[in-house]
């Protein structure tokens, strides 16, 4: 069973915020939350977003 980081309502809220932000730093932080909710590892998140771990 896949463990979720966010509830469905929280996930929808984060995705809405992410879609509506123009601030790159906020977009990246919100993206990390979405990727954690998708059960991605820190290494996968860093690679996907082009960040250092």
C-alpha atoms as a PDB file:
ATOM      1  CA  UNK A   1       0.000   0.000   0.000  1.00  0.00           C
ATOM      2  CA  UNK A   2       1.307   3.405  -0.960  1.00  0.00           C
ATOM      3  CA  UNK A   3       1.625   5.862   1.921  1.00  0.00           C
ATOM      4  CA  UNK A   4       0.553   9.398   1.101  1.00  0.00           C
ATOM      5  CA  UNK A   5       2.196  12.475   2.574  1.00  0.00           C
ATOM      6  CA  UNK A   6      -0.828  14.745   1.967  1.00  0.00           C
ATOM      7  CA  UNK A   7      -4.566  14.208   2.118  1.00  0.00           C
ATOM      8  CA  UNK A   8      -6.504  14.573  -1.130  1.00  0.00           C
ATOM      9  CA  UNK A   9      -7.712  18.025  -0.095  1.00  0.00           C
ATOM     10  CA  UNK A  10      -4.220  19.155   0.897  1.00  0.00           C
ATOM     11  CA  UNK A  11      -2.772  17.820  -2.358  1.00  0.00           C
ATOM     12  CA  UNK A  12      -5.380  19.699  -4.412  1.00  0.00           C
ATOM     13  CA  UNK A  13      -4.656  22.881  -2.441  1.00  0.00           C
ATOM     14  CA  UNK A  14      -0.887  22.576  -2.938  1.00  0.00           C
ATOM     15  CA  UNK A  15      -1.337  21.914  -6.661  1.00  0.00           C
ATOM     16  CA  UNK A  16      -3.637  24.935  -6.959  1.00  0.00           C
ATOM     17  CA  UNK A  17      -1.105  27.145  -5.173  1.00  0.00           C
ATOM     18  CA  UNK A  18       1.685  25.804  -7.374  1.00  0.00           C
ATOM     19  CA  UNK A  19      -0.280  26.466 -10.563  1.00  0.00           C
ATOM     20  CA  UNK A  20      -1.030  30.045  -9.524  1.00  0.00           C
ATOM     21  CA  UNK A  21       2.343  31.190  -8.175  1.00  0.00           C
ATOM     22  CA  UNK A  22       4.809  33.287 -10.115  1.00  0.00           C
ATOM     23  CA  UNK A  23       7.457  33.005  -7.412  1.00  0.00           C
ATOM     24  CA  UNK A  24      10.072  30.442  -8.463  1.00  0.00           C
ATOM     25  CA  UNK A  25      11.153  29.615  -4.902  1.00  0.00           C
ATOM     26  CA  UNK A  26       7.562  29.007  -3.810  1.00  0.00           C
ATOM     27  CA  UNK A  27       6.940  26.886  -6.925  1.00  0.00           C
ATOM     28  CA  UNK A  28       9.954  24.704  -6.149  1.00  0.00           C
ATOM     29  CA  UNK A  29       8.939  24.204  -2.498  1.00  0.00           C
ATOM     30  CA  UNK A  30       5.397  23.293  -3.505  1.00  0.00           C
ATOM     31  CA  UNK A  31       6.806  20.916  -6.127  1.00  0.00           C
ATOM     32  CA  UNK A  32       8.827  19.166  -3.421  1.00  0.00           C
ATOM     33  CA  UNK A  33       5.618  18.593  -1.440  1.00  0.00           C
ATOM     34  CA  UNK A  34       3.887  17.107  -4.489  1.00  0.00           C
ATOM     35  CA  UNK A  35       6.851  14.863  -5.263  1.00  0.00           C
ATOM     36  CA  UNK A  36       7.059  13.678  -1.639  1.00  0.00           C
ATOM     37  CA  UNK A  37       3.371  12.841  -1.868  1.00  0.00           C
ATOM     38  CA  UNK A  38       4.206  10.768  -4.960  1.00  0.00           C
ATOM     39  CA  UNK A  39       6.651   8.776  -2.763  1.00  0.00           C
ATOM     40  CA  UNK A  40       9.730  10.060  -4.577  1.00  0.00           C
ATOM     41  CA  UNK A  41      13.058   9.797  -2.770  1.00  0.00           C
ATOM     42  CA  UNK A  42      15.157  12.848  -1.959  1.00  0.00           C
ATOM     43  CA  UNK A  43      17.557  11.834  -4.713  1.00  0.00           C
ATOM     44  CA  UNK A  44      14.734  11.540  -7.267  1.00  0.00           C
ATOM     45  CA  UNK A  45      13.348  14.924  -6.221  1.00  0.00           C
ATOM     46  CA  UNK A  46      16.744  16.583  -6.506  1.00  0.00           C
ATOM     47  CA  UNK A  47      17.289  15.058  -9.944  1.00  0.00           C
ATOM     48  CA  UNK A  48      13.797  15.978 -11.165  1.00  0.00           C
ATOM     49  CA  UNK A  49      14.069  19.596 -10.016  1.00  0.00           C
ATOM     50  CA  UNK A  50      17.758  20.012 -10.826  1.00  0.00           C
ATOM     51  CA  UNK A  51      18.728  20.646  -7.210  1.00  0.00           C
ATOM     52  CA  UNK A  52      21.555  19.533  -4.980  1.00  0.00           C
ATOM     53  CA  UNK A  53      20.377  17.144  -2.287  1.00  0.00           C
END
